[in-house]
Amino acid sequence: MILSLYNWLKNNKTLNIFILVAYYLLVVLPHEEVGKFIAKTLDEPFGRDTYNLIILVLGTIGFLGYLIPFYNGIKKLEQGKNRIWFAFGMTLLFIIISFNTLLVVNVEIIHFVQYAVFAILLFPLLSNYRDTLFYTTIFAAIDEAYQYLVLAPFRTDYFDFNDVIIDLIGGAAGLLLLWGIGIRRKETNQPWFRSPSFIGFLALTLISFIAYFTGVLAIYPSETDSQAPILLIRKVYDSFWTIIHPNVKFHVVRPLEGMLILAGLFYFYSQQVFRKEYE
């Protein structure tokens, strides 16, 4: 089924673009409405502990639904099984670590699903695992920027690198599913420094430096009354753990820390998993 969907999207690129854009807008725009609906449906009637348990059970069922086509696909592979299982194990480890350090409530596991699907829809347009993962992360960051700067600027204290990290891992999980069922790309002679992901990285870095040195972007609040229009952190958290409830403890990833983690994850998947000679 997934392979058929991939082939259909690959042969209908215009529709693929339309579906991808519609899906992304559906993920990004109704954050407030979806959050209120979930709170009224599960959180308020059942209480936070039961609510988290329900989400955990649903997430486990979803994981099993992911694992079935993944396992069936790997059984048919003639080479690279050890690599794909290693990548799967590491991804599972990343998810467990994220679950215990980055998530505030269990419902945030939806991020893994949202950007796994996004990556699967994007891949037929780019036909490259590395570039797909990179741009999936970029669109995840745009999603978080929209929430931070537009949707709830007075209710959020920091740009949420936590969610971008989770989104990257979710995107990688979606691409691993495609990899596991045998979708490959033929090797090209294009040097790495001409790849769309590297060019996009340079452009993003240049824009960030310009914004920082012109005073448009700042990481922490200024001690003076003059503040940059875009602050990555509005409130500084001194401790490693942020505790908002006796049973709710999580770590707020700082900007430099977040960029290093994102770079490390991207390097792992682009160089150690989706290596060029196997595409």
C-alpha atoms as a PDB file:
ATOM      1  CA  MET A   1       0.000   0.000   0.000  1.00  0.00           C
ATOM      2  CA  ILE A   2       2.749   2.450   0.946  1.00  0.00           C
ATOM      3  CA  LEU A   3       4.764   1.531  -2.123  1.00  0.00           C
ATOM      4  CA  SER A   4       1.690   2.037  -4.317  1.00  0.00           C
ATOM      5  CA  LEU A   5       1.083   5.443  -2.722  1.00  0.00           C
ATOM      6  CA  TYR A   6       4.702   6.424  -3.307  1.00  0.00           C
ATOM      7  CA  ASN A   7       4.560   5.413  -6.983  1.00  0.00           C
ATOM      8  CA  TRP A   8       1.274   7.256  -7.466  1.00  0.00           C
ATOM      9  CA  LEU A   9       2.647  10.438  -5.890  1.00  0.00           C
ATOM     10  CA  LYS A  10       5.843  10.177  -7.912  1.00  0.00           C
ATOM     11  CA  ASN A  11       3.843   9.931 -11.147  1.00  0.00           C
ATOM     12  CA  ASN A  12       1.480  12.780 -10.187  1.00  0.00           C
ATOM     13  CA  LYS A  13       3.791  15.513  -8.931  1.00  0.00           C
ATOM     14  CA  THR A  14       1.266  18.346  -9.243  1.00  0.00           C
ATOM     15  CA  LEU A  15      -1.205  16.486  -7.063  1.00  0.00           C
ATOM     16  CA  ASN A  16       1.648  15.535  -4.761  1.00  0.00           C
ATOM     17  CA  ILE A  17       2.470  19.216  -4.214  1.00  0.00           C
ATOM     18  CA  PHE A  18      -1.195  20.044  -3.592  1.00  0.00           C
ATOM     19  CA  ILE A  19      -1.579  17.194  -1.069  1.00  0.00           C
ATOM     20  CA  LEU A  20       1.662  18.122   0.691  1.00  0.00           C
ATOM     21  CA  VAL A  21       0.704  21.809   1.023  1.00  0.00           C
ATOM     22  CA  ALA A  22      -2.828  20.967   2.192  1.00  0.00           C
ATOM     23  CA  TYR A  23      -1.481  18.482   4.731  1.00  0.00           C
ATOM     24  CA  TYR A  24       1.104  20.942   6.065  1.00  0.00           C
ATOM     25  CA  LEU A  25      -1.485  23.686   6.496  1.00  0.00           C
ATOM     26  CA  LEU A  26      -3.745  21.192   8.258  1.00  0.00           C
ATOM     27  CA  VAL A  27      -0.907  20.384  10.651  1.00  0.00           C
ATOM     28  CA  VAL A  28       0.134  23.990  11.284  1.00  0.00           C
ATOM     29  CA  LEU A  29      -2.965  26.180  11.311  1.00  0.00           C
ATOM     30  CA  PRO A  30      -5.503  24.532  13.664  1.00  0.00           C
ATOM     31  CA  HIS A  31      -3.168  24.103  16.677  1.00  0.00           C
ATOM     32  CA  GLU A  32      -5.422  26.027  19.032  1.00  0.00           C
ATOM     33  CA  GLU A  33      -8.638  24.306  17.961  1.00  0.00           C
ATOM     34  CA  VAL A  34      -7.142  20.823  18.120  1.00  0.00           C
ATOM     35  CA  GLY A  35      -5.611  21.495  21.528  1.00  0.00           C
ATOM     36  CA  LYS A  36      -8.918  22.714  22.951  1.00  0.00           C
ATOM     37  CA  PHE A  37     -10.789  19.765  21.449  1.00  0.00           C
ATOM     38  CA  ILE A  38      -8.387  17.220  22.943  1.00  0.00           C
ATOM     39  CA  ALA A  39      -8.500  18.954  26.325  1.00  0.00           C
ATOM     40  CA  LYS A  40     -12.310  18.895  26.419  1.00  0.00           C
ATOM     41  CA  THR A  41     -12.544  15.336  25.092  1.00  0.00           C
ATOM     42  CA  LEU A  42      -9.838  13.594  27.115  1.00  0.00           C
ATOM     43  CA  ASP A  43      -8.002  15.803  29.594  1.00  0.00           C
ATOM     44  CA  GLU A  44     -10.882  17.437  31.465  1.00  0.00           C
ATOM     45  CA  PRO A  45     -13.259  14.416  31.672  1.00  0.00           C
ATOM     46  CA  PHE A  46     -10.656  11.771  32.607  1.00  0.00           C
ATOM     47  CA  GLY A  47      -7.895  13.707  34.365  1.00  0.00           C
ATOM     48  CA  ARG A  48      -4.264  14.168  33.320  1.00  0.00           C
ATOM     49  CA  ASP A  49      -2.981  10.724  34.356  1.00  0.00           C
ATOM     50  CA  THR A  50      -5.725   8.798  32.535  1.00  0.00           C
ATOM     51  CA  TYR A  51      -5.409  11.174  29.582  1.00  0.00           C
ATOM     52  CA  ASN A  52      -1.676  10.451  29.313  1.00  0.00           C
ATOM     53  CA  LEU A  53      -2.334   6.726  29.599  1.00  0.00           C
ATOM     54  CA  ILE A  54      -4.913   6.817  26.783  1.00  0.00           C
ATOM     55  CA  ILE A  55      -2.487   8.680  24.522  1.00  0.00           C
ATOM     56  CA  LEU A  56       0.297   6.231  25.389  1.00  0.00           C
ATOM     57  CA  VAL A  57      -1.910   3.260  24.467  1.00  0.00           C
ATOM     58  CA  LEU A  58      -2.937   4.895  21.186  1.00  0.00           C
ATOM     59  CA  GLY A  59       0.707   5.689  20.449  1.00  0.00           C
ATOM     60  CA  THR A  60       1.701   2.081  21.099  1.00  0.00           C
ATOM     61  CA  ILE A  61      -1.003   0.855  18.712  1.00  0.00           C
ATOM     62  CA  GLY A  62       0.226   3.329  16.096  1.00  0.00           C
ATOM     63  CA  PHE A  63       3.793   2.100  16.552  1.00  0.00           C
ATOM     64  CA  LEU A  64       2.678  -1.491  15.966  1.00  0.00           C
ATOM     65  CA  GLY A  65       0.888  -0.326  12.822  1.00  0.00           C
ATOM     66  CA  TYR A  66       4.170   1.223  11.665  1.00  0.00           C
ATOM     67  CA  LEU A  67       6.217  -1.839  12.571  1.00  0.00           C
ATOM     68  CA  ILE A  68       4.198  -4.320  10.477  1.00  0.00           C
ATOM     69  CA  PRO A  69       4.975  -2.892   6.994  1.00  0.00           C
ATOM     70  CA  PHE A  70       8.483  -1.997   8.152  1.00  0.00           C
ATOM     71  CA  TYR A  71       9.249  -5.571   9.231  1.00  0.00           C
ATOM     72  CA  ASN A  72       7.593  -7.108   6.163  1.00  0.00           C
ATOM     73  CA  GLY A  73       9.640  -4.824   3.933  1.00  0.00           C
ATOM     74  CA  ILE A  74      12.953  -5.642   5.599  1.00  0.00           C
ATOM     75  CA  LYS A  75      12.345  -9.368   5.203  1.00  0.00           C
ATOM     76  CA  LYS A  76      12.434  -8.875   1.423  1.00  0.00           C
ATOM     77  CA  LEU A  77      15.686  -6.894   1.362  1.00  0.00           C
ATOM     78  CA  GLU A  78      18.719  -8.606  -0.094  1.00  0.00           C
ATOM     79  CA  GLN A  79      21.275  -6.289   1.511  1.00  0.00           C
ATOM     80  CA  GLY A  80      21.518  -3.602   4.161  1.00  0.00           C
ATOM     81  CA  LYS A  81      19.329  -5.340   6.757  1.00  0.00           C
ATOM     82  CA  ASN A  82      21.797  -4.798   9.583  1.00  0.00           C
ATOM     83  CA  ARG A  83      22.061  -1.112   8.817  1.00  0.00           C
ATOM     84  CA  ILE A  84      18.319  -0.579   8.704  1.00  0.00           C
ATOM     85  CA  TRP A  85      17.791  -2.467  11.963  1.00  0.00           C
ATOM     86  CA  PHE A  86      20.549  -0.434  13.608  1.00  0.00           C
ATOM     87  CA  ALA A  87      18.951   2.786  12.374  1.00  0.00           C
ATOM     88  CA  PHE A  88      15.554   1.604  13.604  1.00  0.00           C
ATOM     89  CA  GLY A  89      16.994   0.769  17.039  1.00  0.00           C
ATOM     90  CA  MET A  90      18.679   4.166  17.310  1.00  0.00           C
ATOM     91  CA  THR A  91      15.483   5.924  16.238  1.00  0.00           C
ATOM     92  CA  LEU A  92      13.532   4.024  18.866  1.00  0.00           C
ATOM     93  CA  LEU A  93      16.153   5.049  21.432  1.00  0.00           C
ATOM     94  CA  PHE A  94      15.862   8.699  20.335  1.00  0.00           C
ATOM     95  CA  ILE A  95      12.077   8.486  20.716  1.00  0.00           C
ATOM     96  CA  ILE A  96      12.364   7.020  24.230  1.00  0.00           C
ATOM     97  CA  ILE A  97      14.873   9.703  25.272  1.00  0.00           C
ATOM     98  CA  SER A  98      12.636  12.425  23.819  1.00  0.00           C
ATOM     99  CA  PHE A  99       9.635  10.934  25.573  1.00  0.00           C
ATOM    100  CA  ASN A 100      11.394  11.170  28.948  1.00  0.00           C
ATOM    101  CA  THR A 101      13.106  14.534  28.535  1.00  0.00           C
ATOM    102  CA  LEU A 102      11.428  16.731  25.901  1.00  0.00           C
ATOM    103  CA  LEU A 103       7.698  15.992  25.993  1.00  0.00           C
ATOM    104  CA  VAL A 104       5.474  17.951  28.355  1.00  0.00           C
ATOM    105  CA  VAL A 105       2.404  15.731  27.887  1.00  0.00           C
ATOM    106  CA  ASN A 106       2.028  12.444  26.037  1.00  0.00           C
ATOM    107  CA  VAL A 107      -0.178  13.940  23.339  1.00  0.00           C
ATOM    108  CA  GLU A 108       2.962  15.559  21.918  1.00  0.00           C
ATOM    109  CA  ILE A 109       3.906  12.192  20.431  1.00  0.00           C
ATOM    110  CA  ILE A 110       1.646  13.325  17.599  1.00  0.00           C
ATOM    111  CA  HIS A 111       4.692  15.267  16.374  1.00  0.00           C
ATOM    112  CA  PHE A 112       6.406  12.004  15.447  1.00  0.00           C
ATOM    113  CA  VAL A 113       3.392  10.972  13.370  1.00  0.00           C
ATOM    114  CA  GLN A 114       2.807  14.357  11.748  1.00  0.00           C
ATOM    115  CA  TYR A 115       6.310  14.741  10.390  1.00  0.00           C
ATOM    116  CA  ALA A 116       6.739  11.082   9.524  1.00  0.00           C
ATOM    117  CA  VAL A 117       3.767  11.540   7.194  1.00  0.00           C
ATOM    118  CA  PHE A 118       5.133  14.876   5.964  1.00  0.00           C
ATOM    119  CA  ALA A 119       8.476  13.298   5.057  1.00  0.00           C
ATOM    120  CA  ILE A 120       6.744  10.435   3.241  1.00  0.00           C
ATOM    121  CA  LEU A 121       4.713  12.923   1.194  1.00  0.00           C
ATOM    122  CA  LEU A 122       7.755  15.096   0.462  1.00  0.00           C
ATOM    123  CA  PHE A 123      10.112  12.314  -0.595  1.00  0.00           C
ATOM    124  CA  PRO A 124       8.520  11.620  -4.037  1.00  0.00           C
ATOM    125  CA  LEU A 125       9.189  15.270  -4.962  1.00  0.00           C
ATOM    126  CA  LEU A 126      12.856  15.266  -3.961  1.00  0.00           C
ATOM    127  CA  SER A 127      13.774  11.580  -4.388  1.00  0.00           C
ATOM    128  CA  ASN A 128      16.604  12.041  -1.921  1.00  0.00           C
ATOM    129  CA  TYR A 129      16.609  10.954   1.712  1.00  0.00           C
ATOM    130  CA  ARG A 130      19.094  13.543   2.952  1.00  0.00           C
ATOM    131  CA  ASP A 131      17.370  16.500   1.306  1.00  0.00           C
ATOM    132  CA  THR A 132      13.927  15.287   2.370  1.00  0.00           C
ATOM    133  CA  LEU A 133      15.010  15.061   6.003  1.00  0.00           C
ATOM    134  CA  PHE A 134      16.595  18.508   5.847  1.00  0.00           C
ATOM    135  CA  TYR A 135      13.536  20.241   4.422  1.00  0.00           C
ATOM    136  CA  THR A 136      11.223  18.327   6.726  1.00  0.00           C
ATOM    137  CA  THR A 137      13.184  19.854   9.612  1.00  0.00           C
ATOM    138  CA  ILE A 138      12.992  23.321   8.040  1.00  0.00           C
ATOM    139  CA  PHE A 139       9.222  23.118   7.689  1.00  0.00           C
ATOM    140  CA  ALA A 140       9.004  21.846  11.273  1.00  0.00           C
ATOM    141  CA  ALA A 141      10.955  24.917  12.410  1.00  0.00           C
ATOM    142  CA  ILE A 142       8.579  27.156  10.430  1.00  0.00           C
ATOM    143  CA  ASP A 143       5.680  25.449  12.199  1.00  0.00           C
ATOM    144  CA  GLU A 144       7.223  26.228  15.592  1.00  0.00           C
ATOM    145  CA  ALA A 145       8.046  29.808  14.553  1.00  0.00           C
ATOM    146  CA  TYR A 146       4.400  30.318  13.596  1.00  0.00           C
ATOM    147  CA  GLN A 147       3.286  29.096  17.019  1.00  0.00           C
ATOM    148  CA  TYR A 148       5.900  31.168  18.852  1.00  0.00           C
ATOM    149  CA  LEU A 149       5.633  34.448  16.945  1.00  0.00           C
ATOM    150  CA  VAL A 150       2.067  34.475  15.613  1.00  0.00           C
ATOM    151  CA  LEU A 151      -0.259  32.003  17.285  1.00  0.00           C
ATOM    152  CA  ALA A 152       0.652  32.448  20.953  1.00  0.00           C
ATOM    153  CA  PRO A 153       3.378  35.088  21.375  1.00  0.00           C
ATOM    154  CA  PHE A 154       2.246  36.003  24.893  1.00  0.00           C
ATOM    155  CA  ARG A 155       1.869  32.436  26.180  1.00  0.00           C
ATOM    156  CA  THR A 156       5.198  30.953  25.133  1.00  0.00           C
ATOM    157  CA  ASP A 157       8.551  31.779  26.719  1.00  0.00           C
ATOM    158  CA  TYR A 158      10.880  30.254  24.143  1.00  0.00           C
ATOM    159  CA  PHE A 159      11.204  29.019  20.585  1.00  0.00           C
ATOM    160  CA  ASP A 160      10.484  25.319  20.985  1.00  0.00           C
ATOM    161  CA  PHE A 161      13.590  23.458  19.833  1.00  0.00           C
ATOM    162  CA  ASN A 162      12.156  20.473  21.731  1.00  0.00           C
ATOM    163  CA  ASP A 163       9.417  20.062  19.147  1.00  0.00           C
ATOM    164  CA  VAL A 164      11.754  20.605  16.169  1.00  0.00           C
ATOM    165  CA  ILE A 165      13.984  17.794  17.456  1.00  0.00           C
ATOM    166  CA  ILE A 166      10.960  15.530  17.864  1.00  0.00           C
ATOM    167  CA  ASP A 167       9.773  16.455  14.369  1.00  0.00           C
ATOM    168  CA  LEU A 168      13.166  15.577  12.859  1.00  0.00           C
ATOM    169  CA  ILE A 169      13.095  12.174  14.541  1.00  0.00           C
ATOM    170  CA  GLY A 170       9.542  11.641  13.273  1.00  0.00           C
ATOM    171  CA  GLY A 171      10.594  12.601   9.751  1.00  0.00           C
ATOM    172  CA  ALA A 172      13.489  10.159   9.943  1.00  0.00           C
ATOM    173  CA  ALA A 173      11.105   7.404  11.100  1.00  0.00           C
ATOM    174  CA  GLY A 174       8.897   8.048   8.073  1.00  0.00           C
ATOM    175  CA  LEU A 175      11.889   7.851   5.738  1.00  0.00           C
ATOM    176  CA  LEU A 176      13.079   4.660   7.425  1.00  0.00           C
ATOM    177  CA  LEU A 177       9.733   3.129   6.537  1.00  0.00           C
ATOM    178  CA  LEU A 178      10.291   3.994   2.870  1.00  0.00           C
ATOM    179  CA  TRP A 179      13.853   2.674   3.113  1.00  0.00           C
ATOM    180  CA  GLY A 180      12.644  -0.507   4.778  1.00  0.00           C
ATOM    181  CA  ILE A 181      10.141  -1.329   2.031  1.00  0.00           C
ATOM    182  CA  GLY A 182      12.885  -1.014  -0.550  1.00  0.00           C
ATOM    183  CA  ILE A 183      12.579   2.460  -2.076  1.00  0.00           C
ATOM    184  CA  ARG A 184      16.013   3.565  -3.288  1.00  0.00           C
ATOM    185  CA  ARG A 185      17.575   6.268  -5.393  1.00  0.00           C
ATOM    186  CA  LYS A 186      20.309   5.729  -7.928  1.00  0.00           C
ATOM    187  CA  GLU A 187      23.585   7.353  -7.066  1.00  0.00           C
ATOM    188  CA  THR A 188      24.249  10.700  -8.732  1.00  0.00           C
ATOM    189  CA  ASN A 189      27.542  12.433  -9.444  1.00  0.00           C
ATOM    190  CA  GLN A 190      26.402  15.672  -7.807  1.00  0.00           C
ATOM    191  CA  PRO A 191      28.949  16.816  -5.176  1.00  0.00           C
ATOM    192  CA  TRP A 192      27.595  17.230  -1.662  1.00  0.00           C
ATOM    193  CA  PHE A 193      28.230  20.998  -1.636  1.00  0.00           C
ATOM    194  CA  ARG A 194      25.774  21.404  -4.528  1.00  0.00           C
ATOM    195  CA  SER A 195      22.985  19.478  -2.844  1.00  0.00           C
ATOM    196  CA  PRO A 196      19.759  21.359  -2.066  1.00  0.00           C
ATOM    197  CA  SER A 197      20.149  20.616   1.633  1.00  0.00           C
ATOM    198  CA  PHE A 198      23.642  22.157   1.812  1.00  0.00           C
ATOM    199  CA  ILE A 199      22.605  25.207  -0.204  1.00  0.00           C
ATOM    200  CA  GLY A 200      19.551  25.587   2.020  1.00  0.00           C
ATOM    201  CA  PHE A 201      21.747  25.297   5.118  1.00  0.00           C
ATOM    202  CA  LEU A 202      24.075  28.032   3.861  1.00  0.00           C
ATOM    203  CA  ALA A 203      21.143  30.305   3.030  1.00  0.00           C
ATOM    204  CA  LEU A 204      19.564  29.757   6.440  1.00  0.00           C
ATOM    205  CA  THR A 205      22.883  30.374   8.213  1.00  0.00           C
ATOM    206  CA  LEU A 206      23.465  33.587   6.259  1.00  0.00           C
ATOM    207  CA  ILE A 207      19.968  34.889   7.018  1.00  0.00           C
ATOM    208  CA  SER A 208      20.405  34.056  10.708  1.00  0.00           C
ATOM    209  CA  PHE A 209      23.755  35.869  10.938  1.00  0.00           C
ATOM    210  CA  ILE A 210      22.388  38.929   9.172  1.00  0.00           C
ATOM    211  CA  ALA A 211      19.353  38.992  11.475  1.00  0.00           C
ATOM    212  CA  TYR A 212      21.558  38.583  14.553  1.00  0.00           C
ATOM    213  CA  PHE A 213      24.129  41.254  13.700  1.00  0.00           C
ATOM    214  CA  THR A 214      21.497  43.752  12.586  1.00  0.00           C
ATOM    215  CA  GLY A 215      19.626  43.364  15.870  1.00  0.00           C
ATOM    216  CA  VAL A 216      16.531  41.735  14.394  1.00  0.00           C
ATOM    217  CA  LEU A 217      17.260  38.423  16.134  1.00  0.00           C
ATOM    218  CA  ALA A 218      18.546  37.806  19.652  1.00  0.00           C
ATOM    219  CA  ILE A 219      18.892  34.707  21.791  1.00  0.00           C
ATOM    220  CA  TYR A 220      18.295  36.121  25.272  1.00  0.00           C
ATOM    221  CA  PRO A 221      16.491  39.233  26.547  1.00  0.00           C
ATOM    222  CA  SER A 222      18.569  42.383  26.696  1.00  0.00           C
ATOM    223  CA  GLU A 223      19.342  44.004  30.035  1.00  0.00           C
ATOM    224  CA  THR A 224      18.261  47.320  28.522  1.00  0.00           C
ATOM    225  CA  ASP A 225      14.754  48.332  27.550  1.00  0.00           C
ATOM    226  CA  SER A 226      15.574  47.832  23.882  1.00  0.00           C
ATOM    227  CA  GLN A 227      14.642  44.328  22.760  1.00  0.00           C
ATOM    228  CA  ALA A 228      15.162  42.603  19.422  1.00  0.00           C
ATOM    229  CA  PRO A 229      11.958  41.992  17.447  1.00  0.00           C
ATOM    230  CA  ILE A 230      12.654  38.249  17.534  1.00  0.00           C
ATOM    231  CA  LEU A 231      13.790  36.703  20.823  1.00  0.00           C
ATOM    232  CA  LEU A 232      14.491  32.979  20.838  1.00  0.00           C
ATOM    233  CA  ILE A 233      14.151  32.918  24.630  1.00  0.00           C
ATOM    234  CA  ARG A 234      11.898  35.386  26.440  1.00  0.00           C
ATOM    235  CA  LYS A 235      12.372  33.826  29.864  1.00  0.00           C
ATOM    236  CA  VAL A 236      15.632  32.252  31.019  1.00  0.00           C
ATOM    237  CA  TYR A 237      15.372  28.923  32.863  1.00  0.00           C
ATOM    238  CA  ASP A 238      18.309  28.398  35.195  1.00  0.00           C
ATOM    239  CA  SER A 239      17.829  24.709  36.026  1.00  0.00           C
ATOM    240  CA  PHE A 240      18.099  21.746  33.670  1.00  0.00           C
ATOM    241  CA  TRP A 241      14.580  20.513  34.453  1.00  0.00           C
ATOM    242  CA  THR A 242      11.436  22.590  34.204  1.00  0.00           C
ATOM    243  CA  ILE A 243       8.710  21.393  36.581  1.00  0.00           C
ATOM    244  CA  ILE A 244       5.171  22.643  35.984  1.00  0.00           C
ATOM    245  CA  HIS A 245       3.401  19.888  37.936  1.00  0.00           C
ATOM    246  CA  PRO A 246       4.603  17.190  40.385  1.00  0.00           C
ATOM    247  CA  ASN A 247       4.260  14.627  37.597  1.00  0.00           C
ATOM    248  CA  VAL A 248       5.366  16.879  34.713  1.00  0.00           C
ATOM    249  CA  LYS A 249       9.108  17.415  34.335  1.00  0.00           C
ATOM    250  CA  PHE A 250      10.885  18.220  31.085  1.00  0.00           C
ATOM    251  CA  HIS A 251      14.006  19.907  29.755  1.00  0.00           C
ATOM    252  CA  VAL A 252      13.815  23.132  27.766  1.00  0.00           C
ATOM    253  CA  VAL A 253      16.386  22.849  24.985  1.00  0.00           C
ATOM    254  CA  ARG A 254      18.391  26.066  24.612  1.00  0.00           C
ATOM    255  CA  PRO A 255      19.130  27.444  21.106  1.00  0.00           C
ATOM    256  CA  LEU A 256      22.815  26.439  20.888  1.00  0.00           C
ATOM    257  CA  GLU A 257      22.049  23.073  22.454  1.00  0.00           C
ATOM    258  CA  GLY A 258      19.140  22.592  20.039  1.00  0.00           C
ATOM    259  CA  MET A 259      21.202  23.435  16.965  1.00  0.00           C
ATOM    260  CA  LEU A 260      23.934  21.012  18.030  1.00  0.00           C
ATOM    261  CA  ILE A 261      21.409  18.218  18.644  1.00  0.00           C
ATOM    262  CA  LEU A 262      19.694  18.857  15.303  1.00  0.00           C
ATOM    263  CA  ALA A 263      23.056  18.891  13.503  1.00  0.00           C
ATOM    264  CA  GLY A 264      24.083  15.650  15.219  1.00  0.00           C
ATOM    265  CA  LEU A 265      20.835  13.899  14.347  1.00  0.00           C
ATOM    266  CA  PHE A 266      20.975  15.093  10.762  1.00  0.00           C
ATOM    267  CA  TYR A 267      24.571  13.913  10.428  1.00  0.00           C
ATOM    268  CA  PHE A 268      23.668  10.512  11.835  1.00  0.00           C
ATOM    269  CA  TYR A 269      20.807   9.935   9.416  1.00  0.00           C
ATOM    270  CA  SER A 270      22.346  11.538   6.326  1.00  0.00           C
ATOM    271  CA  GLN A 271      25.808  10.008   6.652  1.00  0.00           C
ATOM    272  CA  GLN A 272      25.381   6.839   8.687  1.00  0.00           C
ATOM    273  CA  VAL A 273      21.939   5.674   7.553  1.00  0.00           C
ATOM    274  CA  PHE A 274      20.891   7.144   4.203  1.00  0.00           C
ATOM    275  CA  ARG A 275      24.340   7.095   2.669  1.00  0.00           C
ATOM    276  CA  LYS A 276      24.580   8.147  -0.933  1.00  0.00           C
ATOM    277  CA  GLU A 277      25.851   4.854  -2.321  1.00  0.00           C
ATOM    278  CA  TYR A 278      22.766   3.073  -1.048  1.00  0.00           C
ATOM    279  CA  GLU A 279      20.188   5.514  -2.450  1.00  0.00           C
END
